Amino acid sequence: MNTQRSDQVQKEWSRTINPLKRATAVCQRTFMTSAESLFALLCPTTEYDWLPGWSCELLHSDSGYAEYNVVIRTSFFGAEEIWVCTRYEPNKAIEYARTSENQCGKMEISLVDHGDGTVTGRWVLTASALNEDGNEAVDELASAGKQIDEILGVLDHYLTTGEMVS
């Protein structure tokens, strides 16, 4: 198989310094609940019940809830983004590809049920700049990690009390 063209493109690209940034933030928390109860709240629709200020527009969905290939639009994290659910494993994992004008990325959430009434959730947020403005957004990912950790505290409050933080 002749790969000369692609090899040449790769060599040229690798000689340049890519000015666009990428970063990852990871947050983890253990909740006193079942994986089923926690997973049900990791949904654009049910987030209205527990996440103050959350809003989204459901663009494509068969059920009106989280599901594989659901598409939403939200500006919750500052910039208008389109989210597409790319992985949906009930009570185990959910992932969204996210894109905006300046960056793209993904939100990966995985759950481990410990079988003792606790479940650990792990949130991995990756952001990749698409332009210089995206570089600024990627630079702010550390604060986004802190924001996600705060959101997990709000989620924990809801799971414990059944009420949204006031």
Protein backbone atom coordinates (compact mmCIF):
# COMPACT_ATOMS: atom_id res chain seq x y z
CA MET A 1 0.00 0.00 0.00
CA ASN A 2 1.41 3.38 -0.99
CA THR A 3 1.31 5.80 1.97
CA GLN A 4 3.77 8.38 0.65
CA ARG A 5 1.23 11.22 0.61
CA SER A 6 -0.03 10.66 4.12
CA ASP A 7 3.53 10.12 5.38
CA GLN A 8 4.55 13.45 3.84
CA VAL A 9 1.58 15.27 5.38
CA GLN A 10 2.37 13.77 8.78
CA LYS A 11 6.05 14.78 8.53
CA GLU A 12 5.14 18.35 7.61
CA TRP A 13 2.61 18.58 10.41
CA SER A 14 5.00 17.14 12.99
CA ARG A 15 7.66 19.72 12.06
CA THR A 16 5.35 22.57 13.00
CA ILE A 17 4.50 23.50 16.54
CA ASN A 18 0.78 23.19 17.00
CA PRO A 19 -0.31 26.46 18.64
CA LEU A 20 -3.66 25.04 19.69
CA LYS A 21 -3.97 23.76 23.23
CA ARG A 22 -5.60 20.74 24.84
CA ALA A 23 -6.18 20.07 28.52
CA THR A 24 -7.95 17.58 30.77
CA ALA A 25 -9.56 17.97 34.19
CA VAL A 26 -10.52 14.99 36.36
CA CYS A 27 -12.90 14.98 39.33
CA GLN A 28 -13.99 12.02 41.42
CA ARG A 29 -16.45 11.63 44.28
CA THR A 30 -18.06 8.79 46.22
CA PHE A 31 -21.79 9.10 46.86
CA MET A 32 -24.01 7.33 49.40
CA THR A 33 -26.46 6.00 46.81
CA SER A 34 -26.88 3.33 44.18
CA ALA A 35 -25.46 3.52 40.67
CA GLU A 36 -29.03 3.46 39.36
CA SER A 37 -30.06 6.51 41.41
CA LEU A 38 -26.93 8.46 40.47
CA PHE A 39 -27.04 7.55 36.78
CA ALA A 40 -30.66 8.73 36.50
CA LEU A 41 -29.50 12.23 37.47
CA LEU A 42 -26.77 12.37 34.80
CA CYS A 43 -29.31 13.45 32.23
CA PRO A 44 -29.94 16.84 30.61
CA THR A 45 -33.61 16.64 31.59
CA THR A 46 -33.24 15.49 35.21
CA GLU A 47 -30.47 18.05 35.82
CA TYR A 48 -33.31 20.61 36.01
CA ASP A 49 -34.28 18.92 39.32
CA TRP A 50 -30.95 19.32 41.10
CA LEU A 51 -28.60 21.75 39.29
CA PRO A 52 -29.36 25.45 39.91
CA GLY A 53 -29.16 27.52 36.74
CA TRP A 54 -29.11 24.51 34.41
CA SER A 55 -30.87 24.97 31.09
CA CYS A 56 -30.65 23.25 27.75
CA GLU A 57 -32.54 22.78 24.55
CA LEU A 58 -33.25 19.18 23.62
CA LEU A 59 -32.59 19.01 19.87
CA HIS A 60 -32.85 15.27 19.18
CA SER A 61 -34.20 12.59 21.52
CA ASP A 62 -36.54 9.64 21.33
CA SER A 63 -37.38 9.61 25.05
CA GLY A 64 -36.84 13.17 26.27
CA TYR A 65 -34.11 11.87 28.59
CA ALA A 66 -30.46 10.88 28.28
CA GLU A 67 -29.92 8.19 25.67
CA TYR A 68 -27.39 7.26 23.03
CA ASN A 69 -27.22 9.98 20.34
CA VAL A 70 -29.32 12.52 22.25
CA VAL A 71 -28.33 16.02 21.10
CA ILE A 72 -28.67 19.12 23.28
CA ARG A 73 -27.67 22.77 23.14
CA THR A 74 -26.59 24.52 26.36
CA SER A 75 -24.71 27.62 27.47
CA PHE A 76 -24.37 26.43 31.07
CA PHE A 77 -20.57 26.51 31.04
CA GLY A 78 -20.40 29.99 29.46
CA ALA A 79 -20.28 29.45 25.70
CA GLU A 80 -23.05 27.95 23.61
CA GLU A 81 -22.23 24.28 23.05
CA ILE A 82 -23.77 21.33 21.25
CA TRP A 83 -23.52 18.06 23.19
CA VAL A 84 -24.01 14.61 21.62
CA CYS A 85 -24.21 11.49 23.78
CA THR A 86 -21.60 9.13 22.32
CA ARG A 87 -21.72 6.43 24.99
CA TYR A 88 -24.68 5.32 27.07
CA GLU A 89 -24.34 2.36 29.42
CA PRO A 90 -27.05 2.59 32.08
CA ASN A 91 -25.69 2.68 35.63
CA LYS A 92 -22.09 2.42 34.36
CA ALA A 93 -21.04 5.22 31.99
CA ILE A 94 -22.20 8.14 29.91
CA GLU A 95 -20.13 10.32 27.58
CA TYR A 96 -20.82 13.46 25.62
CA ALA A 97 -18.90 14.97 22.72
CA ARG A 98 -19.09 18.74 23.10
CA THR A 99 -18.41 21.42 20.52
CA SER A 100 -18.61 25.18 20.38
CA GLU A 101 -17.28 27.87 18.06
CA ASN A 102 -13.87 27.88 19.77
CA GLN A 103 -13.31 24.42 21.22
CA CYS A 104 -14.41 20.82 21.18
CA GLY A 105 -14.03 18.11 23.74
CA LYS A 106 -15.76 15.46 25.71
CA MET A 107 -17.22 14.76 29.11
CA GLU A 108 -16.69 11.17 30.24
CA ILE A 109 -18.51 9.95 33.34
CA SER A 110 -17.97 6.46 34.72
CA LEU A 111 -19.54 4.88 37.79
CA VAL A 112 -18.30 2.10 40.06
CA ASP A 113 -20.94 0.55 42.31
CA HIS A 114 -19.22 -0.78 45.42
CA GLY A 115 -22.18 -2.99 46.38
CA ASP A 116 -22.38 -1.43 49.85
CA GLY A 117 -24.72 1.48 49.12
CA THR A 118 -21.96 3.66 47.71
CA VAL A 119 -20.94 4.48 44.18
CA THR A 120 -17.89 6.37 42.95
CA GLY A 121 -18.25 8.63 39.96
CA ARG A 122 -15.32 9.83 37.89
CA TRP A 123 -15.70 12.84 35.61
CA VAL A 124 -13.08 13.47 32.92
CA LEU A 125 -13.42 16.69 30.94
CA THR A 126 -11.15 17.15 27.91
CA ALA A 127 -11.09 20.40 25.93
CA SER A 128 -9.28 21.02 22.63
CA ALA A 129 -8.91 24.53 21.21
CA LEU A 130 -10.02 25.13 17.63
CA ASN A 131 -8.56 28.65 17.44
CA GLU A 132 -6.85 31.31 19.59
CA ASP A 133 -10.06 32.10 21.50
CA GLY A 134 -10.31 28.39 22.19
CA ASN A 135 -6.80 28.49 23.67
CA GLU A 136 -8.07 30.95 26.28
CA ALA A 137 -10.98 28.65 27.10
CA VAL A 138 -8.63 25.67 27.43
CA ASP A 139 -6.43 27.72 29.77
CA GLU A 140 -9.47 28.11 32.02
CA LEU A 141 -10.03 24.34 32.25
CA ALA A 142 -8.49 24.23 35.73
CA SER A 143 -11.30 26.47 36.96
CA ALA A 144 -13.79 24.28 35.07
CA GLY A 145 -12.48 21.32 37.06
CA LYS A 146 -13.18 23.26 40.24
CA GLN A 147 -16.65 24.12 38.91
CA ILE A 148 -17.35 20.44 38.22
CA ASP A 149 -16.23 19.56 41.75
CA GLU A 150 -18.67 22.18 43.09
CA ILE A 151 -21.42 20.71 40.89
CA LEU A 152 -20.68 17.28 42.36
CA GLY A 153 -21.20 18.79 45.82
CA VAL A 154 -24.59 20.09 44.66
CA LEU A 155 -25.41 16.63 43.27
CA ASP A 156 -24.39 15.01 46.56
CA HIS A 157 -26.67 17.43 48.43
CA TYR A 158 -29.60 16.46 46.19
CA LEU A 159 -28.92 12.75 46.64
CA THR A 160 -28.76 13.21 50.42
CA THR A 161 -31.74 15.56 50.91
CA GLY A 162 -33.87 15.15 47.80
CA GLU A 163 -33.85 18.94 47.43
CA MET A 164 -31.99 21.36 45.19
CA VAL A 165 -29.42 23.58 46.92
CA SER A 166 -31.07 26.93 47.57
